[in-house]
Structure formats: C-alpha cells, structure tokens
Amino acid sequence: MKYGDKIIKMEGVIVEVQDGAVAMDLKGRLGYLKVPMRMLITDYPLKVGQEIAFNMSFPEVVSEEVNEKYVSNLEIRNRKEGK
C-alpha cells in the first residue's frame, strides 16, 4: 500500500434484514452495503431502522493486472442469469 491508512467511521441505517444478510444505507449519500449476518457484532435483535457504525479505510487497487479467473466466473454467472 502506497498511502498511509486512514480509518474512517462510517454510519448508516439498516434497511433490510434477511435470514443470512443485513442491508444498510450509508449516511451522507455514500451508498448501500449488504453484508453477511456473521459479520455483524450486536447485543440486540436486528430491526429495520437501527443505526449501525463501522470503521473503514479507502479501497485501493493493488495491481494493474486483471484476475482472469474472477472475470471468467462473473461471465459464467451472468450468462446463467441471462444478463
């Protein structure tokens, strides 16, 4: 990594609770994030409307090269889904 790590506290609101995943809208029009339930730390039953927070750094591209295996898997999945 070429740049120093700067941890940023991200906040949002839960907008969807499924059997295995939780979706949240991030505050500040930063988008939407859906994560597996196992990634959440909570002492409360999950409900739509609860506020969440997590620490995040900036994503950084680590290589100019494309990982052909991932691209191939995406193409196969898209063909199966009819995209």
PDB file of N, CA and C in Angstrom:
ATOM      1  N   MET A   1       0.834  -1.173   0.000  1.00  0.00           N
ATOM      2  CA  MET A   1       0.000   0.000   0.000  1.00  0.00           C
ATOM      3  C   MET A   1       0.887   1.248   0.000  1.00  0.00           C
ATOM      4  N   LYS A   2       0.581   2.133  -0.887  1.00  0.00           N
ATOM      5  CA  LYS A   2       1.416   3.320  -1.067  1.00  0.00           C
ATOM      6  C   LYS A   2       1.045   4.464  -0.134  1.00  0.00           C
ATOM      7  N   TYR A   3      -0.176   4.448   0.375  1.00  0.00           N
ATOM      8  CA  TYR A   3      -0.655   5.562   1.177  1.00  0.00           C
ATOM      9  C   TYR A   3      -0.867   5.125   2.617  1.00  0.00           C
ATOM     10  N   GLY A   4      -0.705   6.059   3.534  1.00  0.00           N
ATOM     11  CA  GLY A   4      -0.955   5.761   4.934  1.00  0.00           C
ATOM     12  C   GLY A   4      -2.413   5.413   5.153  1.00  0.00           C
ATOM     13  N   ASP A   5      -2.662   4.517   6.076  1.00  0.00           N
ATOM     14  CA  ASP A   5      -4.025   4.087   6.347  1.00  0.00           C
ATOM     15  C   ASP A   5      -4.752   5.143   7.164  1.00  0.00           C
ATOM     16  N   LYS A   6      -5.917   5.532   6.704  1.00  0.00           N
ATOM     17  CA  LYS A   6      -6.733   6.495   7.429  1.00  0.00           C
ATOM     18  C   LYS A   6      -8.079   5.826   7.686  1.00  0.00           C
ATOM     19  N   ILE A   7      -8.324   5.460   8.923  1.00  0.00           N
ATOM     20  CA  ILE A   7      -9.561   4.783   9.288  1.00  0.00           C
ATOM     21  C   ILE A   7     -10.669   5.822   9.445  1.00  0.00           C
ATOM     22  N   ILE A   8     -11.813   5.552   8.818  1.00  0.00           N
ATOM     23  CA  ILE A   8     -12.942   6.462   8.841  1.00  0.00           C
ATOM     24  C   ILE A   8     -14.138   5.741   9.452  1.00  0.00           C
ATOM     25  N   LYS A   9     -14.832   6.398  10.376  1.00  0.00           N
ATOM     26  CA  LYS A   9     -16.035   5.815  10.954  1.00  0.00           C
ATOM     27  C   LYS A   9     -17.186   6.048   9.987  1.00  0.00           C
ATOM     28  N   MET A  10     -17.771   4.958   9.504  1.00  0.00           N
ATOM     29  CA  MET A  10     -18.910   5.015   8.600  1.00  0.00           C
ATOM     30  C   MET A  10     -20.172   4.726   9.416  1.00  0.00           C
ATOM     31  N   GLU A  11     -21.247   5.399   9.094  1.00  0.00           N
ATOM     32  CA  GLU A  11     -22.511   5.177   9.784  1.00  0.00           C
ATOM     33  C   GLU A  11     -23.616   4.969   8.769  1.00  0.00           C
ATOM     34  N   GLY A  12     -24.655   4.271   9.202  1.00  0.00           N
ATOM     35  CA  GLY A  12     -25.779   4.013   8.316  1.00  0.00           C
ATOM     36  C   GLY A  12     -26.984   3.544   9.092  1.00  0.00           C
ATOM     37  N   VAL A  13     -28.008   3.139   8.339  1.00  0.00           N
ATOM     38  CA  VAL A  13     -29.263   2.673   8.906  1.00  0.00           C
ATOM     39  C   VAL A  13     -29.627   1.350   8.231  1.00  0.00           C
ATOM     40  N   ILE A  14     -30.031   0.374   9.037  1.00  0.00           N
ATOM     41  CA  ILE A  14     -30.440  -0.914   8.494  1.00  0.00           C
ATOM     42  C   ILE A  14     -31.738  -0.732   7.707  1.00  0.00           C
ATOM     43  N   VAL A  15     -31.743  -1.216   6.448  1.00  0.00           N
ATOM     44  CA  VAL A  15     -32.928  -1.081   5.600  1.00  0.00           C
ATOM     45  C   VAL A  15     -33.537  -2.433   5.233  1.00  0.00           C
ATOM     46  N   GLU A  16     -32.821  -3.527   5.522  1.00  0.00           N
ATOM     47  CA  GLU A  16     -33.337  -4.854   5.188  1.00  0.00           C
ATOM     48  C   GLU A  16     -32.648  -5.895   6.065  1.00  0.00           C
ATOM     49  N   VAL A  17     -33.427  -6.797   6.623  1.00  0.00           N
ATOM     50  CA  VAL A  17     -32.881  -7.901   7.415  1.00  0.00           C
ATOM     51  C   VAL A  17     -33.394  -9.192   6.793  1.00  0.00           C
ATOM     52  N   GLN A  18     -32.472 -10.039   6.310  1.00  0.00           N
ATOM     53  CA  GLN A  18     -32.824 -11.334   5.735  1.00  0.00           C
ATOM     54  C   GLN A  18     -32.287 -12.429   6.650  1.00  0.00           C
ATOM     55  N   ASP A  19     -32.530 -13.684   6.290  1.00  0.00           N
ATOM     56  CA  ASP A  19     -32.051 -14.803   7.100  1.00  0.00           C
ATOM     57  C   ASP A  19     -30.527 -14.768   7.269  1.00  0.00           C
ATOM     58  N   GLY A  20     -29.808 -14.475   6.200  1.00  0.00           N
ATOM     59  CA  GLY A  20     -28.357 -14.547   6.280  1.00  0.00           C
ATOM     60  C   GLY A  20     -27.631 -13.255   5.983  1.00  0.00           C
ATOM     61  N   ALA A  21     -28.363 -12.151   5.810  1.00  0.00           N
ATOM     62  CA  ALA A  21     -27.713 -10.899   5.434  1.00  0.00           C
ATOM     63  C   ALA A  21     -28.458  -9.694   5.981  1.00  0.00           C
ATOM     64  N   VAL A  22     -27.721  -8.603   6.085  1.00  0.00           N
ATOM     65  CA  VAL A  22     -28.290  -7.332   6.522  1.00  0.00           C
ATOM     66  C   VAL A  22     -27.866  -6.272   5.506  1.00  0.00           C
ATOM     67  N   ALA A  23     -28.821  -5.449   5.077  1.00  0.00           N
ATOM     68  CA  ALA A  23     -28.533  -4.373   4.141  1.00  0.00           C
ATOM     69  C   ALA A  23     -28.669  -3.042   4.854  1.00  0.00           C
ATOM     70  N   MET A  24     -27.804  -2.113   4.492  1.00  0.00           N
ATOM     71  CA  MET A  24     -27.818  -0.804   5.135  1.00  0.00           C
ATOM     72  C   MET A  24     -27.586   0.299   4.122  1.00  0.00           C
ATOM     73  N   ASP A  25     -28.240   1.426   4.338  1.00  0.00           N
ATOM     74  CA  ASP A  25     -27.962   2.644   3.582  1.00  0.00           C
ATOM     75  C   ASP A  25     -26.954   3.440   4.385  1.00  0.00           C
ATOM     76  N   LEU A  26     -25.885   3.859   3.735  1.00  0.00           N
ATOM     77  CA  LEU A  26     -24.851   4.622   4.419  1.00  0.00           C
ATOM     78  C   LEU A  26     -25.226   6.095   4.432  1.00  0.00           C
ATOM     79  N   LYS A  27     -24.967   6.747   5.538  1.00  0.00           N
ATOM     80  CA  LYS A  27     -25.279   8.172   5.678  1.00  0.00           C
ATOM     81  C   LYS A  27     -24.371   8.987   4.763  1.00  0.00           C
ATOM     82  N   GLY A  28     -24.832  10.154   4.392  1.00  0.00           N
ATOM     83  CA  GLY A  28     -24.043  11.041   3.540  1.00  0.00           C
ATOM     84  C   GLY A  28     -24.092  10.649   2.081  1.00  0.00           C
ATOM     85  N   ARG A  29     -25.141   9.958   1.673  1.00  0.00           N
ATOM     86  CA  ARG A  29     -25.319   9.514   0.281  1.00  0.00           C
ATOM     87  C   ARG A  29     -24.125   8.704  -0.215  1.00  0.00           C
ATOM     88  N   LEU A  30     -23.530   7.890   0.671  1.00  0.00           N
ATOM     89  CA  LEU A  30     -22.364   7.102   0.289  1.00  0.00           C
ATOM     90  C   LEU A  30     -22.721   5.736  -0.273  1.00  0.00           C
ATOM     91  N   GLY A  31     -24.007   5.427  -0.330  1.00  0.00           N
ATOM     92  CA  GLY A  31     -24.392   4.195  -0.990  1.00  0.00           C
ATOM     93  C   GLY A  31     -25.093   3.205  -0.094  1.00  0.00           C
ATOM     94  N   TYR A  32     -25.032   1.961  -0.539  1.00  0.00           N
ATOM     95  CA  TYR A  32     -25.772   0.847   0.036  1.00  0.00           C
ATOM     96  C   TYR A  32     -24.783  -0.296   0.227  1.00  0.00           C
ATOM     97  N   LEU A  33     -24.888  -0.991   1.328  1.00  0.00           N
ATOM     98  CA  LEU A  33     -23.975  -2.096   1.615  1.00  0.00           C
ATOM     99  C   LEU A  33     -24.772  -3.259   2.177  1.00  0.00           C
ATOM    100  N   LYS A  34     -24.509  -4.449   1.658  1.00  0.00           N
ATOM    101  CA  LYS A  34     -25.163  -5.655   2.145  1.00  0.00           C
ATOM    102  C   LYS A  34     -24.065  -6.607   2.611  1.00  0.00           C
ATOM    103  N   VAL A  35     -24.173  -7.058   3.859  1.00  0.00           N
ATOM    104  CA  VAL A  35     -23.138  -7.915   4.429  1.00  0.00           C
ATOM    105  C   VAL A  35     -23.766  -9.179   5.026  1.00  0.00           C
ATOM    106  N   PRO A  36     -22.986 -10.257   5.093  1.00  0.00           N
ATOM    107  CA  PRO A  36     -23.492 -11.462   5.750  1.00  0.00           C
ATOM    108  C   PRO A  36     -23.746 -11.197   7.234  1.00  0.00           C
ATOM    109  N   MET A  37     -24.750 -11.856   7.777  1.00  0.00           N
ATOM    110  CA  MET A  37     -25.128 -11.690   9.178  1.00  0.00           C
ATOM    111  C   MET A  37     -23.934 -11.964  10.105  1.00  0.00           C
ATOM    112  N   ARG A  38     -23.085 -12.911   9.723  1.00  0.00           N
ATOM    113  CA  ARG A  38     -21.958 -13.288  10.581  1.00  0.00           C
ATOM    114  C   ARG A  38     -20.937 -12.163  10.759  1.00  0.00           C
ATOM    115  N   MET A  39     -21.004 -11.125   9.948  1.00  0.00           N
ATOM    116  CA  MET A  39     -20.060 -10.016  10.064  1.00  0.00           C
ATOM    117  C   MET A  39     -20.503  -8.961  11.076  1.00  0.00           C
ATOM    118  N   LEU A  40     -21.730  -9.070  11.572  1.00  0.00           N
ATOM    119  CA  LEU A  40     -22.243  -8.056  12.498  1.00  0.00           C
ATOM    120  C   LEU A  40     -21.954  -8.420  13.945  1.00  0.00           C
ATOM    121  N   ILE A  41     -21.638  -7.419  14.720  1.00  0.00           N
ATOM    122  CA  ILE A  41     -21.493  -7.568  16.164  1.00  0.00           C
ATOM    123  C   ILE A  41     -22.669  -6.825  16.781  1.00  0.00           C
ATOM    124  N   THR A  42     -23.489  -7.536  17.535  1.00  0.00           N
ATOM    125  CA  THR A  42     -24.652  -6.892  18.133  1.00  0.00           C
ATOM    126  C   THR A  42     -25.097  -7.627  19.391  1.00  0.00           C
ATOM    127  N   ASP A  43     -25.657  -6.869  20.306  1.00  0.00           N
ATOM    128  CA  ASP A  43     -26.275  -7.433  21.507  1.00  0.00           C
ATOM    129  C   ASP A  43     -27.793  -7.337  21.405  1.00  0.00           C
ATOM    130  N   TYR A  44     -28.304  -6.858  20.256  1.00  0.00           N
ATOM    131  CA  TYR A  44     -29.725  -6.606  20.104  1.00  0.00           C
ATOM    132  C   TYR A  44     -30.290  -7.403  18.934  1.00  0.00           C
ATOM    133  N   PRO A  45     -31.585  -7.722  18.987  1.00  0.00           N
ATOM    134  CA  PRO A  45     -32.231  -8.297  17.802  1.00  0.00           C
ATOM    135  C   PRO A  45     -32.212  -7.248  16.684  1.00  0.00           C
ATOM    136  N   LEU A  46     -31.928  -7.668  15.469  1.00  0.00           N
ATOM    137  CA  LEU A  46     -31.825  -6.717  14.363  1.00  0.00           C
ATOM    138  C   LEU A  46     -33.194  -6.316  13.840  1.00  0.00           C
ATOM    139  N   LYS A  47     -33.343  -4.995  13.603  1.00  0.00           N
ATOM    140  CA  LYS A  47     -34.595  -4.448  13.099  1.00  0.00           C
ATOM    141  C   LYS A  47     -34.293  -3.365  12.070  1.00  0.00           C
ATOM    142  N   VAL A  48     -35.165  -3.238  11.092  1.00  0.00           N
ATOM    143  CA  VAL A  48     -35.051  -2.153  10.117  1.00  0.00           C
ATOM    144  C   VAL A  48     -35.157  -0.828  10.864  1.00  0.00           C
ATOM    145  N   GLY A  49     -34.269   0.101  10.534  1.00  0.00           N
ATOM    146  CA  GLY A  49     -34.269   1.421  11.158  1.00  0.00           C
ATOM    147  C   GLY A  49     -33.184   1.600  12.205  1.00  0.00           C
ATOM    148  N   GLN A  50     -32.566   0.512  12.674  1.00  0.00           N
ATOM    149  CA  GLN A  50     -31.484   0.654  13.662  1.00  0.00           C
ATOM    150  C   GLN A  50     -30.264   1.275  13.001  1.00  0.00           C
ATOM    151  N   GLU A  51     -29.561   2.102  13.760  1.00  0.00           N
ATOM    152  CA  GLU A  51     -28.336   2.716  13.255  1.00  0.00           C
ATOM    153  C   GLU A  51     -27.165   1.771  13.458  1.00  0.00           C
ATOM    154  N   ILE A  52     -26.246   1.813  12.523  1.00  0.00           N
ATOM    155  CA  ILE A  52     -25.046   0.982  12.581  1.00  0.00           C
ATOM    156  C   ILE A  52     -23.823   1.878  12.378  1.00  0.00           C
ATOM    157  N   ALA A  53     -22.667   1.368  12.770  1.00  0.00           N
ATOM    158  CA  ALA A  53     -21.407   2.087  12.537  1.00  0.00           C
ATOM    159  C   ALA A  53     -20.300   1.060  12.375  1.00  0.00           C
ATOM    160  N   PHE A  54     -19.309   1.399  11.570  1.00  0.00           N
ATOM    161  CA  PHE A  54     -18.142   0.539  11.396  1.00  0.00           C
ATOM    162  C   PHE A  54     -16.975   1.386  10.918  1.00  0.00           C
ATOM    163  N   ASN A  55     -15.788   0.887  11.109  1.00  0.00           N
ATOM    164  CA  ASN A  55     -14.581   1.583  10.668  1.00  0.00           C
ATOM    165  C   ASN A  55     -14.150   1.037   9.318  1.00  0.00           C
ATOM    166  N   MET A  56     -13.743   1.940   8.445  1.00  0.00           N
ATOM    167  CA  MET A  56     -13.351   1.539   7.098  1.00  0.00           C
ATOM    168  C   MET A  56     -12.239   2.444   6.596  1.00  0.00           C
ATOM    169  N   SER A  57     -11.406   1.891   5.771  1.00  0.00           N
ATOM    170  CA  SER A  57     -10.390   2.670   5.103  1.00  0.00           C
ATOM    171  C   SER A  57     -10.784   2.790   3.631  1.00  0.00           C
ATOM    172  N   PHE A  58     -10.000   3.484   2.847  1.00  0.00           N
ATOM    173  CA  PHE A  58     -10.286   3.619   1.432  1.00  0.00           C
ATOM    174  C   PHE A  58      -9.866   2.349   0.695  1.00  0.00           C
ATOM    175  N   PRO A  59     -10.727   1.826  -0.205  1.00  0.00           N
ATOM    176  CA  PRO A  59     -10.295   0.692  -1.031  1.00  0.00           C
ATOM    177  C   PRO A  59      -9.166   1.141  -1.960  1.00  0.00           C
ATOM    178  N   GLU A  60      -8.198   0.279  -2.161  1.00  0.00           N
ATOM    179  CA  GLU A  60      -7.060   0.614  -3.012  1.00  0.00           C
ATOM    180  C   GLU A  60      -6.826  -0.508  -4.016  1.00  0.00           C
ATOM    181  N   VAL A  61      -6.690  -0.155  -5.290  1.00  0.00           N
ATOM    182  CA  VAL A  61      -6.359  -1.131  -6.320  1.00  0.00           C
ATOM    183  C   VAL A  61      -4.904  -1.539  -6.104  1.00  0.00           C
ATOM    184  N   VAL A  62      -4.658  -2.839  -6.004  1.00  0.00           N
ATOM    185  CA  VAL A  62      -3.315  -3.307  -5.648  1.00  0.00           C
ATOM    186  C   VAL A  62      -2.503  -3.799  -6.843  1.00  0.00           C
ATOM    187  N   SER A  63      -3.131  -3.950  -8.023  1.00  0.00           N
ATOM    188  CA  SER A  63      -2.408  -4.441  -9.182  1.00  0.00           C
ATOM    189  C   SER A  63      -3.080  -3.943 -10.450  1.00  0.00           C
ATOM    190  N   GLU A  64      -2.287  -3.708 -11.467  1.00  0.00           N
ATOM    191  CA  GLU A  64      -2.831  -3.316 -12.765  1.00  0.00           C
ATOM    192  C   GLU A  64      -3.429  -4.522 -13.491  1.00  0.00           C
ATOM    193  N   GLU A  65      -2.957  -5.711 -13.151  1.00  0.00           N
ATOM    194  CA  GLU A  65      -3.380  -6.934 -13.818  1.00  0.00           C
ATOM    195  C   GLU A  65      -4.809  -7.326 -13.435  1.00  0.00           C
ATOM    196  N   VAL A  66      -5.525  -7.873 -14.392  1.00  0.00           N
ATOM    197  CA  VAL A  66      -6.879  -8.372 -14.176  1.00  0.00           C
ATOM    198  C   VAL A  66      -6.787  -9.840 -13.771  1.00  0.00           C
ATOM    199  N   ASN A  67      -7.569 -10.238 -12.782  1.00  0.00           N
ATOM    200  CA  ASN A  67      -7.623 -11.632 -12.372  1.00  0.00           C
ATOM    201  C   ASN A  67      -8.620 -12.341 -13.289  1.00  0.00           C
ATOM    202  N   GLU A  68      -8.116 -13.050 -14.276  1.00  0.00           N
ATOM    203  CA  GLU A  68      -8.956 -13.669 -15.298  1.00  0.00           C
ATOM    204  C   GLU A  68      -9.918 -14.705 -14.722  1.00  0.00           C
ATOM    205  N   LYS A  69      -9.538 -15.359 -13.642  1.00  0.00           N
ATOM    206  CA  LYS A  69     -10.420 -16.358 -13.025  1.00  0.00           C
ATOM    207  C   LYS A  69     -11.710 -15.697 -12.537  1.00  0.00           C
ATOM    208  N   TYR A  70     -11.586 -14.553 -11.873  1.00  0.00           N
ATOM    209  CA  TYR A  70     -12.769 -13.842 -11.385  1.00  0.00           C
ATOM    210  C   TYR A  70     -13.625 -13.334 -12.545  1.00  0.00           C
ATOM    211  N   VAL A  71     -12.989 -12.807 -13.566  1.00  0.00           N
ATOM    212  CA  VAL A  71     -13.729 -12.308 -14.725  1.00  0.00           C
ATOM    213  C   VAL A  71     -14.493 -13.454 -15.379  1.00  0.00           C
ATOM    214  N   SER A  72     -13.849 -14.603 -15.538  1.00  0.00           N
ATOM    215  CA  SER A  72     -14.492 -15.775 -16.126  1.00  0.00           C
ATOM    216  C   SER A  72     -15.687 -16.218 -15.286  1.00  0.00           C
ATOM    217  N   ASN A  73     -15.522 -16.269 -13.975  1.00  0.00           N
ATOM    218  CA  ASN A  73     -16.626 -16.659 -13.092  1.00  0.00           C
ATOM    219  C   ASN A  73     -17.795 -15.688 -13.187  1.00  0.00           C
ATOM    220  N   LEU A  74     -17.511 -14.388 -13.276  1.00  0.00           N
ATOM    221  CA  LEU A  74     -18.570 -13.391 -13.418  1.00  0.00           C
ATOM    222  C   LEU A  74     -19.317 -13.566 -14.737  1.00  0.00           C
ATOM    223  N   GLU A  75     -18.579 -13.823 -15.816  1.00  0.00           N
ATOM    224  CA  GLU A  75     -19.207 -14.017 -17.120  1.00  0.00           C
ATOM    225  C   GLU A  75     -20.105 -15.251 -17.113  1.00  0.00           C
ATOM    226  N   ILE A  76     -19.643 -16.331 -16.499  1.00  0.00           N
ATOM    227  CA  ILE A  76     -20.445 -17.555 -16.408  1.00  0.00           C
ATOM    228  C   ILE A  76     -21.719 -17.290 -15.611  1.00  0.00           C
ATOM    229  N   ARG A  77     -21.588 -16.603 -14.471  1.00  0.00           N
ATOM    230  CA  ARG A  77     -22.765 -16.299 -13.654  1.00  0.00           C
ATOM    231  C   ARG A  77     -23.751 -15.412 -14.413  1.00  0.00           C
ATOM    232  N   ASN A  78     -23.231 -14.410 -15.112  1.00  0.00           N
ATOM    233  CA  ASN A  78     -24.113 -13.506 -15.868  1.00  0.00           C
ATOM    234  C   ASN A  78     -24.840 -14.238 -16.990  1.00  0.00           C
ATOM    235  N   ARG A  79     -24.162 -15.184 -17.654  1.00  0.00           N
ATOM    236  CA  ARG A  79     -24.818 -15.965 -18.711  1.00  0.00           C
ATOM    237  C   ARG A  79     -25.942 -16.818 -18.112  1.00  0.00           C
ATOM    238  N   LYS A  80     -25.691 -17.418 -16.944  1.00  0.00           N
ATOM    239  CA  LYS A  80     -26.715 -18.243 -16.305  1.00  0.00           C
ATOM    240  C   LYS A  80     -27.931 -17.420 -15.897  1.00  0.00           C
ATOM    241  N   GLU A  81     -27.679 -16.169 -15.482  1.00  0.00           N
ATOM    242  CA  GLU A  81     -28.768 -15.290 -15.051  1.00  0.00           C
ATOM    243  C   GLU A  81     -29.431 -14.578 -16.227  1.00  0.00           C
ATOM    244  N   GLY A  82     -28.875 -14.747 -17.420  1.00  0.00           N
ATOM    245  CA  GLY A  82     -29.472 -14.144 -18.614  1.00  0.00           C
ATOM    246  C   GLY A  82     -29.172 -12.686 -18.784  1.00  0.00           C
ATOM    247  N   LYS A  83     -28.073 -12.203 -18.228  1.00  0.00           N
ATOM    248  CA  LYS A  83     -27.721 -10.771 -18.359  1.00  0.00           C
ATOM    249  C   LYS A  83     -26.959 -10.522 -19.626  1.00  0.00           C
TER     250      LYS A  83
END
